[in-house]
């Protein structure tokens, strides 16, 4: 007597979802289709990590080069959608946007001190460079300490 082959219980892992054949008998088309389908499902389940949904979101603020930048995408002076906090404070005080050549100077040289009393509005870069410029000794090339106004 011939022994009947025992049928193994059908497992999801061994059979193709599309053609219901054993995976090693399945065509590459079915395999690729299954991979694409599962990839689409993963993309659908992925969370939206933009803006406030991102776990690294810091209330639209970042700090670079000693300045605090605030996210303002529609601001005319925005660089990569961020504006210096000092500029925003000065603009609010003046009631207008700063012109492209105007510069906000920190009197105490502390870039994080954004009090209005610490600001001076300079008309252009030339005026800004004349404020608190350290002088160089011609012989030694070292900077001479200057008295603050």
C-alpha atoms as a PDB file:
ATOM      1  CA  UNK A   1       0.000   0.000   0.000  1.00  0.00           C
ATOM      2  CA  UNK A   2       1.120   3.401  -0.812  1.00  0.00           C
ATOM      3  CA  UNK A   3       1.206   5.800   2.007  1.00  0.00           C
ATOM      4  CA  UNK A   4      -0.681   8.917   1.311  1.00  0.00           C
ATOM      5  CA  UNK A   5       1.355  12.037   1.644  1.00  0.00           C
ATOM      6  CA  UNK A   6       0.369  13.880   4.679  1.00  0.00           C
ATOM      7  CA  UNK A   7      -0.762  17.306   3.763  1.00  0.00           C
ATOM      8  CA  UNK A   8       0.914  19.989   5.752  1.00  0.00           C
ATOM      9  CA  UNK A   9      -1.413  22.581   7.151  1.00  0.00           C
ATOM     10  CA  UNK A  10      -1.510  25.591   4.902  1.00  0.00           C
ATOM     11  CA  UNK A  11       0.476  28.457   6.344  1.00  0.00           C
ATOM     12  CA  UNK A  12       0.274  32.012   5.197  1.00  0.00           C
ATOM     13  CA  UNK A  13       4.063  32.308   4.994  1.00  0.00           C
ATOM     14  CA  UNK A  14       4.462  29.510   2.430  1.00  0.00           C
ATOM     15  CA  UNK A  15       1.831  30.611  -0.099  1.00  0.00           C
ATOM     16  CA  UNK A  16       1.626  33.622  -2.371  1.00  0.00           C
ATOM     17  CA  UNK A  17      -1.207  35.989  -1.558  1.00  0.00           C
ATOM     18  CA  UNK A  18      -1.971  36.586  -5.226  1.00  0.00           C
ATOM     19  CA  UNK A  19      -1.823  33.208  -6.981  1.00  0.00           C
ATOM     20  CA  UNK A  20      -2.087  30.882  -3.913  1.00  0.00           C
ATOM     21  CA  UNK A  21       0.864  28.756  -5.093  1.00  0.00           C
ATOM     22  CA  UNK A  22       3.802  27.822  -2.958  1.00  0.00           C
ATOM     23  CA  UNK A  23       6.166  30.737  -2.825  1.00  0.00           C
ATOM     24  CA  UNK A  24       8.977  28.908  -4.650  1.00  0.00           C
ATOM     25  CA  UNK A  25       6.514  28.023  -7.439  1.00  0.00           C
ATOM     26  CA  UNK A  26       5.188  31.562  -7.644  1.00  0.00           C
ATOM     27  CA  UNK A  27       6.219  33.818 -10.491  1.00  0.00           C
ATOM     28  CA  UNK A  28       8.421  36.827  -9.863  1.00  0.00           C
ATOM     29  CA  UNK A  29       5.532  39.061 -10.914  1.00  0.00           C
ATOM     30  CA  UNK A  30       3.475  37.917  -7.944  1.00  0.00           C
ATOM     31  CA  UNK A  31       6.407  38.369  -5.574  1.00  0.00           C
ATOM     32  CA  UNK A  32       7.106  41.884  -6.802  1.00  0.00           C
ATOM     33  CA  UNK A  33       3.418  42.762  -6.641  1.00  0.00           C
ATOM     34  CA  UNK A  34       3.295  41.552  -3.049  1.00  0.00           C
ATOM     35  CA  UNK A  35       6.381  43.574  -2.146  1.00  0.00           C
ATOM     36  CA  UNK A  36       4.953  46.727  -3.696  1.00  0.00           C
ATOM     37  CA  UNK A  37       1.647  46.192  -1.943  1.00  0.00           C
ATOM     38  CA  UNK A  38       3.315  45.777   1.450  1.00  0.00           C
ATOM     39  CA  UNK A  39       5.535  48.828   0.826  1.00  0.00           C
ATOM     40  CA  UNK A  40       2.464  50.950   0.070  1.00  0.00           C
ATOM     41  CA  UNK A  41       0.844  49.715   3.270  1.00  0.00           C
ATOM     42  CA  UNK A  42       3.934  50.695   5.291  1.00  0.00           C
ATOM     43  CA  UNK A  43       3.985  54.163   3.740  1.00  0.00           C
ATOM     44  CA  UNK A  44       0.288  54.605   4.554  1.00  0.00           C
ATOM     45  CA  UNK A  45       0.875  53.685   8.194  1.00  0.00           C
ATOM     46  CA  UNK A  46       3.855  56.043   8.544  1.00  0.00           C
ATOM     47  CA  UNK A  47       3.142  59.100  10.671  1.00  0.00           C
ATOM     48  CA  UNK A  48       3.314  62.640   9.384  1.00  0.00           C
ATOM     49  CA  UNK A  49       6.461  64.089  10.983  1.00  0.00           C
ATOM     50  CA  UNK A  50       6.251  67.614   9.554  1.00  0.00           C
ATOM     51  CA  UNK A  51       6.207  70.689  11.780  1.00  0.00           C
ATOM     52  CA  UNK A  52       4.538  70.267  15.160  1.00  0.00           C
ATOM     53  CA  UNK A  53       4.144  66.493  14.672  1.00  0.00           C
ATOM     54  CA  UNK A  54       7.918  65.999  14.633  1.00  0.00           C
ATOM     55  CA  UNK A  55       9.301  64.800  17.988  1.00  0.00           C
ATOM     56  CA  UNK A  56      12.228  67.248  17.606  1.00  0.00           C
ATOM     57  CA  UNK A  57       9.939  70.276  17.132  1.00  0.00           C
ATOM     58  CA  UNK A  58      11.089  73.221  19.273  1.00  0.00           C
ATOM     59  CA  UNK A  59       8.176  75.660  18.923  1.00  0.00           C
ATOM     60  CA  UNK A  60       9.468  77.055  15.626  1.00  0.00           C
ATOM     61  CA  UNK A  61      12.734  78.314  17.133  1.00  0.00           C
ATOM     62  CA  UNK A  62      16.347  77.408  16.504  1.00  0.00           C
ATOM     63  CA  UNK A  63      19.675  78.793  17.632  1.00  0.00           C
ATOM     64  CA  UNK A  64      22.570  79.300  15.224  1.00  0.00           C
ATOM     65  CA  UNK A  65      25.711  81.433  15.437  1.00  0.00           C
ATOM     66  CA  UNK A  66      24.574  82.838  18.788  1.00  0.00           C
ATOM     67  CA  UNK A  67      21.270  84.204  17.457  1.00  0.00           C
ATOM     68  CA  UNK A  68      17.766  82.873  18.056  1.00  0.00           C
ATOM     69  CA  UNK A  69      15.806  82.375  14.852  1.00  0.00           C
ATOM     70  CA  UNK A  70      12.004  82.109  14.681  1.00  0.00           C
ATOM     71  CA  UNK A  71      10.078  80.344  11.911  1.00  0.00           C
ATOM     72  CA  UNK A  72       8.249  82.890   9.711  1.00  0.00           C
ATOM     73  CA  UNK A  73       7.775  81.509   6.197  1.00  0.00           C
ATOM     74  CA  UNK A  74       5.949  84.573   4.804  1.00  0.00           C
ATOM     75  CA  UNK A  75       8.332  87.233   6.197  1.00  0.00           C
ATOM     76  CA  UNK A  76      10.090  89.386   3.545  1.00  0.00           C
ATOM     77  CA  UNK A  77      13.465  89.206   5.356  1.00  0.00           C
ATOM     78  CA  UNK A  78      13.270  85.458   6.030  1.00  0.00           C
ATOM     79  CA  UNK A  79      16.242  83.344   5.102  1.00  0.00           C
ATOM     80  CA  UNK A  80      15.229  79.697   4.706  1.00  0.00           C
ATOM     81  CA  UNK A  81      11.915  80.590   6.416  1.00  0.00           C
ATOM     82  CA  UNK A  82      13.610  81.812   9.629  1.00  0.00           C
ATOM     83  CA  UNK A  83      14.100  85.380  10.936  1.00  0.00           C
ATOM     84  CA  UNK A  84      16.309  86.601  13.792  1.00  0.00           C
ATOM     85  CA  UNK A  85      14.292  87.313  16.929  1.00  0.00           C
ATOM     86  CA  UNK A  86      16.026  90.699  17.318  1.00  0.00           C
ATOM     87  CA  UNK A  87      14.739  91.777  13.902  1.00  0.00           C
ATOM     88  CA  UNK A  88      11.166  90.771  14.778  1.00  0.00           C
ATOM     89  CA  UNK A  89      11.297  92.721  18.057  1.00  0.00           C
ATOM     90  CA  UNK A  90      12.676  95.837  16.347  1.00  0.00           C
ATOM     91  CA  UNK A  91      10.069  95.607  13.568  1.00  0.00           C
ATOM     92  CA  UNK A  92       7.262  95.351  16.119  1.00  0.00           C
ATOM     93  CA  UNK A  93       8.638  98.442  17.901  1.00  0.00           C
ATOM     94  CA  UNK A  94       8.931 100.443  14.657  1.00  0.00           C
ATOM     95  CA  UNK A  95       5.615  99.195  13.280  1.00  0.00           C
ATOM     96  CA  UNK A  96       7.140  98.302   9.896  1.00  0.00           C
ATOM     97  CA  UNK A  97       9.456  95.780   8.238  1.00  0.00           C
ATOM     98  CA  UNK A  98      13.155  96.601   8.236  1.00  0.00           C
ATOM     99  CA  UNK A  99      14.687  97.633   4.934  1.00  0.00           C
ATOM    100  CA  UNK A 100      17.169  95.209   3.357  1.00  0.00           C
ATOM    101  CA  UNK A 101      20.201  97.342   4.338  1.00  0.00           C
ATOM    102  CA  UNK A 102      19.099  98.097   7.953  1.00  0.00           C
ATOM    103  CA  UNK A 103      20.848  96.179  10.737  1.00  0.00           C
ATOM    104  CA  UNK A 104      19.913  95.640  14.383  1.00  0.00           C
ATOM    105  CA  UNK A 105      22.988  96.079  16.618  1.00  0.00           C
ATOM    106  CA  UNK A 106      23.229  94.561  20.111  1.00  0.00           C
ATOM    107  CA  UNK A 107      24.851  97.199  22.323  1.00  0.00           C
ATOM    108  CA  UNK A 108      26.214  94.742  24.893  1.00  0.00           C
ATOM    109  CA  UNK A 109      27.352  92.297  22.139  1.00  0.00           C
ATOM    110  CA  UNK A 110      25.246  89.551  23.720  1.00  0.00           C
ATOM    111  CA  UNK A 111      23.233  88.101  20.837  1.00  0.00           C
ATOM    112  CA  UNK A 112      20.784  86.379  23.187  1.00  0.00           C
ATOM    113  CA  UNK A 113      19.870  89.629  24.995  1.00  0.00           C
ATOM    114  CA  UNK A 114      16.884  90.737  22.934  1.00  0.00           C
ATOM    115  CA  UNK A 115      15.636  93.586  25.108  1.00  0.00           C
ATOM    116  CA  UNK A 116      14.604  96.702  23.222  1.00  0.00           C
ATOM    117  CA  UNK A 117      16.932  98.841  25.368  1.00  0.00           C
ATOM    118  CA  UNK A 118      19.864  96.753  24.095  1.00  0.00           C
ATOM    119  CA  UNK A 119      19.193  97.510  20.398  1.00  0.00           C
ATOM    120  CA  UNK A 120      20.446 100.208  18.078  1.00  0.00           C
ATOM    121  CA  UNK A 121      19.141 100.402  14.517  1.00  0.00           C
ATOM    122  CA  UNK A 122      21.892 101.027  11.976  1.00  0.00           C
ATOM    123  CA  UNK A 123      21.067 102.414   8.542  1.00  0.00           C
ATOM    124  CA  UNK A 124      23.643 100.275   6.749  1.00  0.00           C
ATOM    125  CA  UNK A 125      26.660  97.999   7.210  1.00  0.00           C
ATOM    126  CA  UNK A 126      29.123 100.934   7.166  1.00  0.00           C
ATOM    127  CA  UNK A 127      27.427 102.575  10.166  1.00  0.00           C
ATOM    128  CA  UNK A 128      27.282  99.235  11.954  1.00  0.00           C
ATOM    129  CA  UNK A 129      31.036  98.676  11.529  1.00  0.00           C
ATOM    130  CA  UNK A 130      31.869 102.034  13.143  1.00  0.00           C
ATOM    131  CA  UNK A 131      30.159 101.033  16.412  1.00  0.00           C
ATOM    132  CA  UNK A 132      32.499  99.513  19.013  1.00  0.00           C
ATOM    133  CA  UNK A 133      35.176  98.636  16.466  1.00  0.00           C
ATOM    134  CA  UNK A 134      38.308  97.422  18.208  1.00  0.00           C
ATOM    135  CA  UNK A 135      41.407  99.271  17.009  1.00  0.00           C
ATOM    136  CA  UNK A 136      44.546  97.434  15.933  1.00  0.00           C
ATOM    137  CA  UNK A 137      48.015  98.401  17.047  1.00  0.00           C
ATOM    138  CA  UNK A 138      50.002  98.887  13.816  1.00  0.00           C
ATOM    139  CA  UNK A 139      53.267  97.546  15.283  1.00  0.00           C
ATOM    140  CA  UNK A 140      52.028  94.425  17.082  1.00  0.00           C
ATOM    141  CA  UNK A 141      48.842  93.739  15.104  1.00  0.00           C
ATOM    142  CA  UNK A 142      46.943  93.150  18.347  1.00  0.00           C
ATOM    143  CA  UNK A 143      43.588  94.679  19.171  1.00  0.00           C
ATOM    144  CA  UNK A 144      43.435  97.594  21.611  1.00  0.00           C
ATOM    145  CA  UNK A 145      40.571  97.613  24.095  1.00  0.00           C
ATOM    146  CA  UNK A 146      38.205 100.478  23.422  1.00  0.00           C
ATOM    147  CA  UNK A 147      35.952 102.221  25.867  1.00  0.00           C
ATOM    148  CA  UNK A 148      32.260 101.662  25.306  1.00  0.00           C
ATOM    149  CA  UNK A 149      30.019 104.661  24.798  1.00  0.00           C
END
